[in-house]
């Protein structure tokens, strides 16, 4: 065993290390002050719980990122599926014709020209809203394009400022 000189004290050393005692303090507490280097090496090589916690936290953050990414992606896919169903429903409304028979609350009824006109208008509204929402989700709507253009413009202006500053600094140092 690599830590034979402190083997008899390992339980107590681990307890004190977990309570954030330094190797010096532990060695003094246990009356083996000359063994502080061995305790320090043991802490570094075997009992570095802070490093282990940091590694676990990094893995957890990564896992959480992946899970959040997956959940966000699934939500968007669900939205696309809903939008597709809305577009299909709106399209099916266009199949109604004047005089078509349907079951209303009072039995068989017939579709009137006014009803067809309202159905077509509703279908157009549903389709337009679904397409607009789909474009927004994809970042392909006018507002998203404007925002992207503003970001590109501000990035270009920032690059010009940095370049001008770098050139001025280089000229001053010559």
N, C-alpha and C. Protein backbone atom coordinates (compact mmCIF):
# COMPACT_ATOMS: atom_id res chain seq x y z
N UNK A 1 0.85 -1.19 0.00
CA UNK A 1 0.00 0.00 0.00
C UNK A 1 0.89 1.24 0.00
N UNK A 2 0.53 2.21 -0.82
CA UNK A 2 1.34 3.41 -0.98
C UNK A 2 1.29 4.34 0.23
N UNK A 3 0.27 4.20 1.05
CA UNK A 3 0.10 5.11 2.18
C UNK A 3 0.17 4.36 3.51
N UNK A 4 1.14 3.47 3.62
CA UNK A 4 1.27 2.65 4.83
C UNK A 4 1.50 3.49 6.08
N UNK A 5 2.23 4.58 5.94
CA UNK A 5 2.55 5.39 7.11
C UNK A 5 1.33 6.08 7.71
N UNK A 6 0.25 6.23 6.94
CA UNK A 6 -0.96 6.86 7.47
C UNK A 6 -2.17 5.92 7.43
N UNK A 7 -1.94 4.65 7.11
CA UNK A 7 -3.03 3.68 6.94
C UNK A 7 -3.92 3.60 8.18
N UNK A 8 -3.36 3.66 9.33
CA UNK A 8 -4.13 3.54 10.56
C UNK A 8 -5.05 4.74 10.78
N UNK A 9 -4.77 5.84 10.10
CA UNK A 9 -5.52 7.08 10.31
C UNK A 9 -6.46 7.43 9.13
N UNK A 10 -6.53 6.58 8.12
CA UNK A 10 -7.26 6.95 6.89
C UNK A 10 -8.71 7.34 7.13
N UNK A 11 -9.42 6.62 7.98
CA UNK A 11 -10.82 6.97 8.24
C UNK A 11 -10.93 8.40 8.78
N UNK A 12 -10.12 8.70 9.77
CA UNK A 12 -10.14 10.03 10.39
C UNK A 12 -9.64 11.10 9.40
N UNK A 13 -8.63 10.77 8.62
CA UNK A 13 -8.10 11.71 7.62
C UNK A 13 -9.20 12.05 6.61
N UNK A 14 -9.92 11.05 6.13
CA UNK A 14 -10.98 11.30 5.15
C UNK A 14 -12.10 12.16 5.74
N UNK A 15 -12.43 11.90 6.99
CA UNK A 15 -13.46 12.72 7.65
C UNK A 15 -13.01 14.17 7.73
N UNK A 16 -11.77 14.38 8.15
CA UNK A 16 -11.25 15.74 8.29
C UNK A 16 -11.07 16.42 6.92
N UNK A 17 -10.65 15.66 5.91
CA UNK A 17 -10.53 16.23 4.57
C UNK A 17 -11.91 16.67 4.06
N UNK A 18 -12.92 15.86 4.31
CA UNK A 18 -14.26 16.22 3.85
C UNK A 18 -14.81 17.43 4.61
N UNK A 19 -14.24 17.73 5.77
CA UNK A 19 -14.62 18.93 6.53
C UNK A 19 -13.73 20.11 6.19
N UNK A 20 -12.92 19.96 5.14
CA UNK A 20 -12.04 21.03 4.61
C UNK A 20 -10.85 21.37 5.51
N UNK A 21 -10.39 20.42 6.32
CA UNK A 21 -9.15 20.64 7.07
C UNK A 21 -7.99 20.52 6.10
N UNK A 22 -6.94 21.28 6.34
CA UNK A 22 -5.75 21.19 5.49
C UNK A 22 -4.92 19.98 5.92
N UNK A 23 -4.07 19.46 5.02
CA UNK A 23 -3.20 18.35 5.41
C UNK A 23 -2.34 18.67 6.64
N UNK A 24 -1.86 19.91 6.75
CA UNK A 24 -1.07 20.32 7.93
C UNK A 24 -1.91 20.19 9.20
N UNK A 25 -3.14 20.73 9.15
CA UNK A 25 -4.00 20.70 10.33
C UNK A 25 -4.35 19.27 10.71
N UNK A 26 -4.60 18.43 9.73
CA UNK A 26 -4.93 17.03 10.00
C UNK A 26 -3.75 16.32 10.65
N UNK A 27 -2.57 16.53 10.08
CA UNK A 27 -1.37 15.89 10.63
C UNK A 27 -1.14 16.33 12.07
N UNK A 28 -1.31 17.60 12.35
CA UNK A 28 -1.14 18.11 13.71
C UNK A 28 -2.21 17.55 14.64
N UNK A 29 -3.47 17.49 14.14
CA UNK A 29 -4.59 16.96 14.93
C UNK A 29 -4.35 15.50 15.34
N UNK A 30 -3.79 14.74 14.41
CA UNK A 30 -3.58 13.31 14.67
C UNK A 30 -2.23 13.02 15.34
N UNK A 31 -1.43 14.06 15.53
CA UNK A 31 -0.13 13.88 16.18
C UNK A 31 0.92 13.25 15.26
N UNK A 32 0.74 13.39 13.96
CA UNK A 32 1.72 12.86 13.00
C UNK A 32 2.15 14.00 12.07
N UNK A 33 2.60 15.08 12.67
CA UNK A 33 2.88 16.31 11.92
C UNK A 33 3.87 16.12 10.78
N UNK A 34 4.78 15.16 10.89
CA UNK A 34 5.76 14.95 9.81
C UNK A 34 5.14 14.25 8.60
N UNK A 35 3.91 13.77 8.73
CA UNK A 35 3.25 13.05 7.63
C UNK A 35 2.32 13.95 6.80
N UNK A 36 2.39 15.26 6.98
CA UNK A 36 1.48 16.14 6.26
C UNK A 36 1.63 16.02 4.75
N UNK A 37 2.87 15.80 4.27
CA UNK A 37 3.09 15.65 2.82
C UNK A 37 2.38 14.38 2.30
N UNK A 38 2.45 13.32 3.06
CA UNK A 38 1.78 12.07 2.67
C UNK A 38 0.27 12.28 2.64
N UNK A 39 -0.25 12.99 3.64
CA UNK A 39 -1.68 13.30 3.67
C UNK A 39 -2.06 14.16 2.46
N UNK A 40 -1.21 15.12 2.16
CA UNK A 40 -1.46 15.98 1.00
C UNK A 40 -1.48 15.16 -0.29
N UNK A 41 -0.51 14.25 -0.46
CA UNK A 41 -0.45 13.40 -1.64
C UNK A 41 -1.68 12.49 -1.69
N UNK A 42 -2.10 11.95 -0.54
CA UNK A 42 -3.30 11.10 -0.48
C UNK A 42 -4.53 11.90 -0.93
N UNK A 43 -4.62 13.11 -0.43
CA UNK A 43 -5.74 13.97 -0.81
C UNK A 43 -5.74 14.21 -2.32
N UNK A 44 -4.60 14.52 -2.86
CA UNK A 44 -4.48 14.85 -4.28
C UNK A 44 -4.71 13.63 -5.17
N UNK A 45 -4.21 12.49 -4.78
CA UNK A 45 -4.26 11.29 -5.64
C UNK A 45 -5.49 10.42 -5.41
N UNK A 46 -6.00 10.39 -4.19
CA UNK A 46 -7.06 9.44 -3.86
C UNK A 46 -8.36 10.13 -3.42
N UNK A 47 -8.26 11.14 -2.61
CA UNK A 47 -9.44 11.69 -1.94
C UNK A 47 -9.72 13.14 -2.36
N UNK A 48 -9.59 13.44 -3.62
CA UNK A 48 -9.86 14.80 -4.11
C UNK A 48 -11.34 14.91 -4.48
N UNK A 49 -12.18 15.04 -3.45
CA UNK A 49 -13.62 15.07 -3.68
C UNK A 49 -14.06 16.33 -4.41
N UNK A 50 -13.31 17.41 -4.25
CA UNK A 50 -13.67 18.65 -4.96
C UNK A 50 -13.49 18.46 -6.46
N UNK A 51 -12.42 17.80 -6.85
CA UNK A 51 -12.20 17.53 -8.27
C UNK A 51 -13.29 16.60 -8.79
N UNK A 52 -13.62 15.57 -8.02
CA UNK A 52 -14.67 14.63 -8.43
C UNK A 52 -16.01 15.35 -8.55
N UNK A 53 -16.30 16.24 -7.60
CA UNK A 53 -17.55 17.00 -7.66
C UNK A 53 -17.57 17.91 -8.88
N UNK A 54 -16.44 18.53 -9.17
CA UNK A 54 -16.34 19.40 -10.34
C UNK A 54 -16.57 18.62 -11.63
N UNK A 55 -15.97 17.44 -11.72
CA UNK A 55 -16.16 16.59 -12.89
C UNK A 55 -17.63 16.17 -13.03
N UNK A 56 -18.24 15.79 -11.90
CA UNK A 56 -19.66 15.41 -11.93
C UNK A 56 -20.54 16.60 -12.34
N UNK A 57 -20.21 17.79 -11.82
CA UNK A 57 -20.99 18.97 -12.15
C UNK A 57 -20.85 19.30 -13.64
N UNK A 58 -19.65 19.17 -14.17
CA UNK A 58 -19.43 19.41 -15.60
C UNK A 58 -20.26 18.42 -16.42
N UNK A 59 -20.26 17.17 -16.03
CA UNK A 59 -21.06 16.16 -16.73
C UNK A 59 -22.55 16.48 -16.61
N UNK A 60 -22.97 16.92 -15.43
CA UNK A 60 -24.38 17.26 -15.22
C UNK A 60 -24.79 18.46 -16.06
N UNK A 61 -23.91 19.48 -16.11
CA UNK A 61 -24.21 20.65 -16.93
C UNK A 61 -24.32 20.26 -18.39
N UNK A 62 -23.42 19.41 -18.85
CA UNK A 62 -23.47 18.96 -20.24
C UNK A 62 -24.74 18.16 -20.49
N UNK A 63 -25.05 17.27 -19.57
CA UNK A 63 -26.27 16.47 -19.69
C UNK A 63 -27.48 17.38 -19.71
N UNK A 64 -27.52 18.33 -18.83
CA UNK A 64 -28.64 19.25 -18.77
C UNK A 64 -28.76 20.04 -20.07
N UNK A 65 -27.62 20.47 -20.60
CA UNK A 65 -27.62 21.20 -21.87
C UNK A 65 -28.22 20.32 -22.96
N UNK A 66 -27.76 19.09 -23.02
CA UNK A 66 -28.26 18.18 -24.05
C UNK A 66 -29.75 17.92 -23.86
N UNK A 67 -30.17 17.76 -22.61
CA UNK A 67 -31.59 17.52 -22.34
C UNK A 67 -32.42 18.75 -22.69
N UNK A 68 -31.92 19.95 -22.34
CA UNK A 68 -32.64 21.17 -22.67
C UNK A 68 -32.72 21.35 -24.18
N UNK A 69 -31.61 21.06 -24.85
CA UNK A 69 -31.57 21.17 -26.31
C UNK A 69 -32.59 20.23 -26.93
N UNK A 70 -32.61 18.98 -26.44
CA UNK A 70 -33.53 17.98 -26.97
C UNK A 70 -34.98 18.40 -26.72
N UNK A 71 -35.27 18.90 -25.51
CA UNK A 71 -36.64 19.31 -25.17
C UNK A 71 -37.08 20.49 -26.04
N UNK A 72 -36.18 21.44 -26.25
CA UNK A 72 -36.51 22.58 -27.11
C UNK A 72 -36.77 22.15 -28.54
N UNK A 73 -35.92 21.24 -29.02
CA UNK A 73 -36.09 20.74 -30.38
C UNK A 73 -37.41 19.99 -30.51
N UNK A 74 -37.75 19.17 -29.52
CA UNK A 74 -39.00 18.41 -29.56
C UNK A 74 -40.21 19.34 -29.56
N UNK A 75 -40.12 20.44 -28.79
CA UNK A 75 -41.22 21.39 -28.73
C UNK A 75 -41.44 22.04 -30.10
N UNK A 76 -40.35 22.39 -30.77
CA UNK A 76 -40.46 23.00 -32.09
C UNK A 76 -41.03 22.00 -33.09
N UNK A 77 -40.58 20.75 -33.03
CA UNK A 77 -41.11 19.72 -33.93
C UNK A 77 -42.61 19.51 -33.67
N UNK A 78 -43.00 19.50 -32.39
CA UNK A 78 -44.43 19.38 -32.06
C UNK A 78 -45.22 20.55 -32.65
N UNK A 79 -44.64 21.75 -32.58
CA UNK A 79 -45.30 22.92 -33.15
C UNK A 79 -45.45 22.79 -34.67
N UNK A 80 -44.40 22.30 -35.32
CA UNK A 80 -44.48 22.08 -36.77
C UNK A 80 -45.58 21.06 -37.10
N UNK A 81 -45.66 19.99 -36.31
CA UNK A 81 -46.70 18.98 -36.55
C UNK A 81 -48.09 19.59 -36.38
N UNK A 82 -48.27 20.40 -35.34
CA UNK A 82 -49.55 21.07 -35.13
C UNK A 82 -49.88 21.99 -36.29
N UNK A 83 -48.89 22.75 -36.73
CA UNK A 83 -49.12 23.66 -37.86
C UNK A 83 -49.50 22.88 -39.11
N UNK A 84 -48.85 21.76 -39.33
CA UNK A 84 -49.20 20.94 -40.50
C UNK A 84 -50.64 20.44 -40.40
N UNK A 85 -51.05 20.01 -39.20
CA UNK A 85 -52.43 19.57 -39.02
C UNK A 85 -53.42 20.71 -39.28
N UNK A 86 -53.07 21.92 -38.82
CA UNK A 86 -53.93 23.08 -39.06
C UNK A 86 -54.04 23.36 -40.56
N UNK A 87 -52.92 23.28 -41.27
CA UNK A 87 -52.96 23.52 -42.72
C UNK A 87 -53.79 22.46 -43.43
N UNK A 88 -53.68 21.22 -43.00
CA UNK A 88 -54.48 20.14 -43.59
C UNK A 88 -55.96 20.38 -43.33
N UNK A 89 -56.29 20.78 -42.09
CA UNK A 89 -57.68 21.07 -41.75
C UNK A 89 -58.20 22.24 -42.57
N UNK A 90 -57.40 23.29 -42.69
CA UNK A 90 -57.81 24.44 -43.49
C UNK A 90 -58.03 24.04 -44.94
N UNK A 91 -57.16 23.18 -45.45
CA UNK A 91 -57.28 22.71 -46.83
C UNK A 91 -58.57 21.88 -47.00
N UNK A 92 -58.88 21.08 -46.00
CA UNK A 92 -60.09 20.25 -46.10
C UNK A 92 -61.35 21.10 -46.09
N UNK A 93 -61.29 22.28 -45.47
CA UNK A 93 -62.45 23.17 -45.47
C UNK A 93 -62.77 23.67 -46.88
N UNK A 94 -61.77 23.69 -47.73
CA UNK A 94 -61.99 24.18 -49.10
C UNK A 94 -62.79 23.19 -49.94
N UNK A 95 -63.00 22.00 -49.41
CA UNK A 95 -63.76 20.98 -50.14
C UNK A 95 -65.27 21.21 -50.07
N UNK A 96 -65.73 22.07 -49.15
CA UNK A 96 -67.17 22.32 -49.04
C UNK A 96 -67.67 23.09 -50.26
N UNK A 97 -68.87 22.74 -50.74
CA UNK A 97 -69.50 23.40 -51.88
C UNK A 97 -70.92 23.81 -51.50
N UNK A 98 -71.38 24.83 -52.18
CA UNK A 98 -72.76 25.29 -51.96
C UNK A 98 -73.70 24.12 -52.25
N UNK A 99 -74.60 23.89 -51.33
CA UNK A 99 -75.58 22.83 -51.49
C UNK A 99 -75.16 21.52 -50.87
N UNK A 100 -73.90 21.41 -50.40
CA UNK A 100 -73.47 20.16 -49.73
C UNK A 100 -74.31 19.96 -48.47
N UNK A 101 -74.63 18.73 -48.21
CA UNK A 101 -75.42 18.38 -47.03
C UNK A 101 -74.46 18.06 -45.88
N UNK A 102 -74.81 18.47 -44.69
CA UNK A 102 -74.04 18.13 -43.49
C UNK A 102 -74.98 17.97 -42.32
N UNK A 103 -74.50 17.32 -41.28
CA UNK A 103 -75.31 17.10 -40.08
C UNK A 103 -75.13 18.28 -39.14
N UNK A 104 -76.16 19.06 -38.97
CA UNK A 104 -76.14 20.16 -38.03
C UNK A 104 -76.82 19.75 -36.74
N UNK A 105 -76.97 20.66 -35.80
CA UNK A 105 -77.61 20.32 -34.53
C UNK A 105 -79.08 19.94 -34.68
N UNK A 106 -79.71 20.40 -35.73
CA UNK A 106 -81.13 20.11 -35.92
C UNK A 106 -81.36 19.10 -37.05
N UNK A 107 -80.36 18.32 -37.37
CA UNK A 107 -80.51 17.32 -38.43
C UNK A 107 -79.76 17.73 -39.68
N UNK A 108 -80.21 17.23 -40.82
CA UNK A 108 -79.54 17.54 -42.09
C UNK A 108 -79.74 19.00 -42.46
N UNK A 109 -78.63 19.64 -42.83
CA UNK A 109 -78.68 21.02 -43.30
C UNK A 109 -77.86 21.10 -44.57
N UNK A 110 -78.05 22.22 -45.28
CA UNK A 110 -77.31 22.41 -46.52
C UNK A 110 -76.46 23.67 -46.42
N UNK A 111 -75.32 23.60 -47.04
CA UNK A 111 -74.39 24.73 -47.00
C UNK A 111 -74.88 25.79 -47.97
N UNK A 112 -74.99 27.01 -47.45
CA UNK A 112 -75.43 28.15 -48.26
C UNK A 112 -74.22 28.89 -48.82
N UNK A 113 -74.41 29.74 -49.78
CA UNK A 113 -73.28 30.53 -50.30
C UNK A 113 -72.59 31.35 -49.22
N UNK A 114 -73.39 31.90 -48.31
CA UNK A 114 -72.79 32.70 -47.22
C UNK A 114 -71.91 31.82 -46.34
N UNK A 115 -72.35 30.60 -46.08
CA UNK A 115 -71.58 29.67 -45.26
C UNK A 115 -70.28 29.29 -45.94
N UNK A 116 -70.35 29.01 -47.24
CA UNK A 116 -69.13 28.67 -47.99
C UNK A 116 -68.15 29.83 -47.94
N UNK A 117 -68.66 31.04 -48.12
CA UNK A 117 -67.81 32.23 -48.08
C UNK A 117 -67.12 32.35 -46.72
N UNK A 118 -67.87 32.11 -45.64
CA UNK A 118 -67.28 32.18 -44.29
C UNK A 118 -66.27 31.06 -44.09
N UNK A 119 -66.58 29.86 -44.56
CA UNK A 119 -65.66 28.73 -44.42
C UNK A 119 -64.35 29.03 -45.15
N UNK A 120 -64.44 29.56 -46.37
CA UNK A 120 -63.23 29.87 -47.14
C UNK A 120 -62.41 30.96 -46.45
N UNK A 121 -63.11 31.97 -45.91
CA UNK A 121 -62.40 33.05 -45.21
C UNK A 121 -61.68 32.50 -43.97
N UNK A 122 -62.38 31.65 -43.22
CA UNK A 122 -61.75 31.03 -42.04
C UNK A 122 -60.56 30.17 -42.44
N UNK A 123 -60.71 29.44 -43.52
CA UNK A 123 -59.64 28.59 -44.02
C UNK A 123 -58.42 29.43 -44.38
N UNK A 124 -58.66 30.55 -45.05
CA UNK A 124 -57.56 31.44 -45.44
C UNK A 124 -56.86 32.00 -44.20
N UNK A 125 -57.64 32.39 -43.18
CA UNK A 125 -57.05 32.92 -41.95
C UNK A 125 -56.21 31.86 -41.25
N UNK A 126 -56.74 30.65 -41.15
CA UNK A 126 -56.01 29.56 -40.49
C UNK A 126 -54.70 29.27 -41.24
N UNK A 127 -54.79 29.19 -42.55
CA UNK A 127 -53.61 28.89 -43.36
C UNK A 127 -52.56 29.99 -43.22
N UNK A 128 -53.00 31.25 -43.33
CA UNK A 128 -52.07 32.38 -43.22
C UNK A 128 -51.39 32.40 -41.86
N UNK A 129 -52.17 32.20 -40.80
CA UNK A 129 -51.60 32.19 -39.44
C UNK A 129 -50.62 31.04 -39.28
N UNK A 130 -50.96 29.88 -39.81
CA UNK A 130 -50.07 28.71 -39.69
C UNK A 130 -48.77 28.94 -40.44
N UNK A 131 -48.87 29.50 -41.65
CA UNK A 131 -47.66 29.76 -42.44
C UNK A 131 -46.80 30.81 -41.75
N UNK A 132 -47.42 31.87 -41.23
CA UNK A 132 -46.66 32.92 -40.53
C UNK A 132 -45.94 32.34 -39.31
N UNK A 133 -46.64 31.55 -38.54
CA UNK A 133 -46.04 30.93 -37.35
C UNK A 133 -44.91 29.99 -37.74
N UNK A 134 -45.10 29.23 -38.81
CA UNK A 134 -44.06 28.32 -39.28
C UNK A 134 -42.82 29.10 -39.69
N UNK A 135 -43.00 30.23 -40.37
CA UNK A 135 -41.87 31.06 -40.76
C UNK A 135 -41.16 31.64 -39.54
N UNK A 136 -41.93 32.04 -38.53
CA UNK A 136 -41.33 32.57 -37.31
C UNK A 136 -40.50 31.51 -36.61
N UNK A 137 -41.02 30.29 -36.53
CA UNK A 137 -40.27 29.20 -35.91
C UNK A 137 -38.97 28.92 -36.66
N UNK A 138 -39.02 29.02 -37.98
CA UNK A 138 -37.84 28.75 -38.79
C UNK A 138 -36.90 29.95 -38.85
N UNK A 139 -37.34 31.11 -38.31
CA UNK A 139 -36.51 32.31 -38.38
C UNK A 139 -36.51 32.91 -39.77
N UNK A 140 -37.55 32.64 -40.55
CA UNK A 140 -37.61 33.09 -41.93
C UNK A 140 -38.70 34.15 -42.13
N UNK A 141 -39.16 34.76 -41.06
CA UNK A 141 -40.18 35.80 -41.18
C UNK A 141 -39.49 37.16 -41.32
N UNK A 142 -40.21 38.19 -41.75
CA UNK A 142 -39.60 39.51 -41.96
C UNK A 142 -38.90 40.07 -40.72
N UNK A 143 -39.51 39.90 -39.55
CA UNK A 143 -38.90 40.43 -38.32
C UNK A 143 -37.57 39.74 -38.01
N UNK A 144 -37.51 38.44 -38.19
CA UNK A 144 -36.25 37.71 -37.95
C UNK A 144 -35.18 38.15 -38.94
N UNK A 145 -35.58 38.34 -40.18
CA UNK A 145 -34.61 38.79 -41.19
C UNK A 145 -34.09 40.18 -40.86
N UNK A 146 -34.98 41.07 -40.38
CA UNK A 146 -34.54 42.41 -39.96
C UNK A 146 -33.56 42.32 -38.80
N UNK A 147 -33.89 41.47 -37.82
CA UNK A 147 -33.01 41.31 -36.66
C UNK A 147 -31.65 40.78 -37.09
N UNK A 148 -31.64 39.79 -37.99
CA UNK A 148 -30.36 39.25 -38.48
C UNK A 148 -29.56 40.32 -39.21
N UNK A 149 -30.25 41.16 -39.99
CA UNK A 149 -29.56 42.23 -40.72
C UNK A 149 -28.96 43.23 -39.75
N UNK A 150 -29.69 43.56 -38.68
CA UNK A 150 -29.15 44.49 -37.68
C UNK A 150 -27.94 43.92 -36.97
N UNK A 151 -27.98 42.63 -36.66
CA UNK A 151 -26.84 41.99 -36.00
C UNK A 151 -25.63 42.02 -36.93
N UNK A 152 -25.84 41.70 -38.21
CA UNK A 152 -24.73 41.73 -39.17
C UNK A 152 -24.17 43.13 -39.31
N UNK A 153 -25.04 44.14 -39.35
CA UNK A 153 -24.60 45.52 -39.46
C UNK A 153 -23.79 45.93 -38.24
N UNK A 154 -24.28 45.62 -37.05
CA UNK A 154 -23.55 46.01 -35.84
C UNK A 154 -22.23 45.25 -35.74
N UNK A 155 -22.20 44.00 -36.17
CA UNK A 155 -20.94 43.24 -36.18
C UNK A 155 -19.94 43.88 -37.13
N UNK A 156 -20.42 44.31 -38.30
CA UNK A 156 -19.53 44.95 -39.28
C UNK A 156 -18.99 46.26 -38.72
N UNK A 157 -19.85 47.05 -38.07
CA UNK A 157 -19.41 48.30 -37.47
C UNK A 157 -18.41 48.05 -36.35
N UNK A 158 -18.63 47.04 -35.56
CA UNK A 158 -17.71 46.70 -34.48
C UNK A 158 -16.35 46.29 -35.05
N UNK A 159 -16.37 45.48 -36.13
CA UNK A 159 -15.10 45.08 -36.76
C UNK A 159 -14.34 46.31 -37.28
N UNK A 160 -15.06 47.28 -37.87
CA UNK A 160 -14.43 48.50 -38.36
C UNK A 160 -13.79 49.29 -37.22
N UNK A 161 -14.49 49.37 -36.10
CA UNK A 161 -13.95 50.10 -34.94
C UNK A 161 -12.71 49.41 -34.41
N UNK A 162 -12.76 48.09 -34.30
CA UNK A 162 -11.61 47.33 -33.80
C UNK A 162 -10.43 47.48 -34.75
N UNK A 163 -10.70 47.42 -36.05
CA UNK A 163 -9.64 47.55 -37.04
C UNK A 163 -9.02 48.94 -36.98
N UNK A 164 -9.86 49.97 -36.85
CA UNK A 164 -9.36 51.34 -36.76
C UNK A 164 -8.54 51.53 -35.50
N UNK A 165 -8.98 50.96 -34.39
CA UNK A 165 -8.26 51.07 -33.13
C UNK A 165 -6.91 50.35 -33.22
N UNK A 166 -6.91 49.17 -33.83
CA UNK A 166 -5.68 48.40 -33.99
C UNK A 166 -4.69 49.14 -34.86
N UNK A 167 -5.18 49.76 -35.93
CA UNK A 167 -4.31 50.50 -36.84
C UNK A 167 -3.73 51.73 -36.12
N UNK A 168 -4.56 52.42 -35.35
CA UNK A 168 -4.09 53.61 -34.61
C UNK A 168 -3.06 53.21 -33.57
N UNK A 169 -3.28 52.10 -32.89
CA UNK A 169 -2.33 51.63 -31.87
C UNK A 169 -1.01 51.22 -32.51
N UNK A 170 -1.09 50.58 -33.66
CA UNK A 170 0.14 50.16 -34.36
C UNK A 170 0.92 51.38 -34.83
N UNK A 171 0.25 52.41 -35.32
CA UNK A 171 0.91 53.63 -35.78
C UNK A 171 1.56 54.37 -34.62
N UNK A 172 0.92 54.39 -33.46
CA UNK A 172 1.48 55.07 -32.28
C UNK A 172 2.74 54.37 -31.78
N UNK A 173 2.77 53.07 -31.87
CA UNK A 173 3.93 52.34 -31.35
C UNK A 173 5.13 52.41 -32.28
N UNK A 174 4.91 52.87 -33.52
CA UNK A 174 6.05 52.96 -34.46
C UNK A 174 6.80 54.20 -34.24
